[in-house]
């Protein structure tokens, strides 16, 4: 599988400037070196996927984690799904 289709290129430099490693009906996870030093983040919230995933692990429920961060539960679910995608054996 080629990942080039998930890359965006800068119009002037023609260099890769943005990568979308994961998306679902809940939203988009993006990596951009100019945002959060390239760490994967949830576009709709600006929070890193790791921060929202950790909130879920700590709070145990989608709604409570979403309430703490002031986001929709679907954004917490997106972070969970992203990490399950990265490590499918751990999700089983």
Protein backbone atom coordinates (compact mmCIF):
# COMPACT_ATOMS: atom_id res chain seq x y z
CA UNK A 1 0.00 0.00 0.00
CA UNK A 2 1.34 3.39 -0.90
CA UNK A 3 1.07 6.16 1.63
CA UNK A 4 1.72 8.96 -0.88
CA UNK A 5 -2.01 9.50 -1.30
CA UNK A 6 -2.19 10.55 2.37
CA UNK A 7 0.46 13.25 1.91
CA UNK A 8 -0.09 16.90 1.11
CA UNK A 9 2.64 18.85 -0.61
CA UNK A 10 3.58 22.49 -0.17
CA UNK A 11 2.70 24.40 -3.36
CA UNK A 12 5.95 26.38 -3.40
CA UNK A 13 8.57 23.89 -2.23
CA UNK A 14 6.79 20.76 -3.51
CA UNK A 15 7.90 19.03 -0.31
CA UNK A 16 5.60 16.92 1.83
CA UNK A 17 4.13 19.15 4.51
CA UNK A 18 1.20 17.20 5.98
CA UNK A 19 0.33 13.54 6.49
CA UNK A 20 -3.08 12.09 7.33
CA UNK A 21 -2.39 8.64 8.80
CA UNK A 22 -5.95 7.96 9.94
CA UNK A 23 -9.50 9.10 9.33
CA UNK A 24 -12.95 7.80 10.12
CA UNK A 25 -16.49 9.11 10.35
CA UNK A 26 -15.43 10.59 13.71
CA UNK A 27 -12.76 12.85 12.18
CA UNK A 28 -9.19 13.11 10.97
CA UNK A 29 -5.81 12.50 12.62
CA UNK A 30 -3.11 14.64 11.05
CA UNK A 31 0.66 14.99 11.33
CA UNK A 32 2.08 18.38 10.41
CA UNK A 33 5.61 19.42 11.38
CA UNK A 34 4.36 22.96 11.99
CA UNK A 35 1.70 21.82 14.47
CA UNK A 36 2.69 20.13 17.73
CA UNK A 37 6.11 19.28 16.23
CA UNK A 38 4.51 16.69 13.95
CA UNK A 39 2.83 14.66 16.70
CA UNK A 40 -0.50 13.16 15.50
CA UNK A 41 -3.37 15.44 16.47
CA UNK A 42 -7.14 15.50 16.06
CA UNK A 43 -7.77 18.26 13.52
CA UNK A 44 -11.15 19.29 14.90
CA UNK A 45 -9.80 19.85 18.41
CA UNK A 46 -6.11 20.69 18.11
CA UNK A 47 -5.36 18.19 20.88
CA UNK A 48 -2.90 15.40 20.29
CA UNK A 49 -4.35 11.95 19.77
CA UNK A 50 -2.18 10.79 22.65
CA UNK A 51 -3.63 13.36 25.07
CA UNK A 52 -7.22 12.36 24.28
CA UNK A 53 -6.37 8.65 24.41
CA UNK A 54 -4.69 9.11 27.79
CA UNK A 55 -7.75 10.99 29.05
CA UNK A 56 -9.90 8.01 28.11
CA UNK A 57 -7.53 5.57 29.81
CA UNK A 58 -7.54 7.69 32.96
CA UNK A 59 -11.25 8.49 33.09
CA UNK A 60 -12.48 5.15 31.67
CA UNK A 61 -15.49 6.66 29.87
CA UNK A 62 -15.77 8.59 26.62
CA UNK A 63 -18.15 11.13 28.06
CA UNK A 64 -16.04 11.97 31.11
CA UNK A 65 -12.84 12.30 29.05
CA UNK A 66 -14.68 14.47 26.53
CA UNK A 67 -16.10 16.64 29.29
CA UNK A 68 -12.66 17.23 30.82
CA UNK A 69 -11.14 18.30 27.49
CA UNK A 70 -14.21 20.14 26.24
CA UNK A 71 -14.51 18.02 23.10
CA UNK A 72 -17.16 15.73 21.70
CA UNK A 73 -17.08 12.04 22.68
CA UNK A 74 -16.52 11.17 19.02
CA UNK A 75 -13.12 12.87 19.19
CA UNK A 76 -12.13 10.63 22.10
CA UNK A 77 -13.36 7.66 20.08
CA UNK A 78 -11.25 8.81 17.13
CA UNK A 79 -8.13 8.82 19.33
CA UNK A 80 -8.97 5.32 20.60
CA UNK A 81 -9.54 4.03 17.07
CA UNK A 82 -6.27 5.61 15.91
CA UNK A 83 -4.24 3.81 18.57
CA UNK A 84 -6.11 0.55 17.90
CA UNK A 85 -5.17 1.00 14.22
CA UNK A 86 -1.52 1.50 15.15
CA UNK A 87 -1.47 -1.54 17.43
CA UNK A 88 -4.23 -3.97 16.39
CA UNK A 89 -2.88 -6.82 18.56
CA UNK A 90 -3.41 -4.73 21.71
CA UNK A 91 -7.01 -3.99 20.72
CA UNK A 92 -7.93 -7.67 20.50
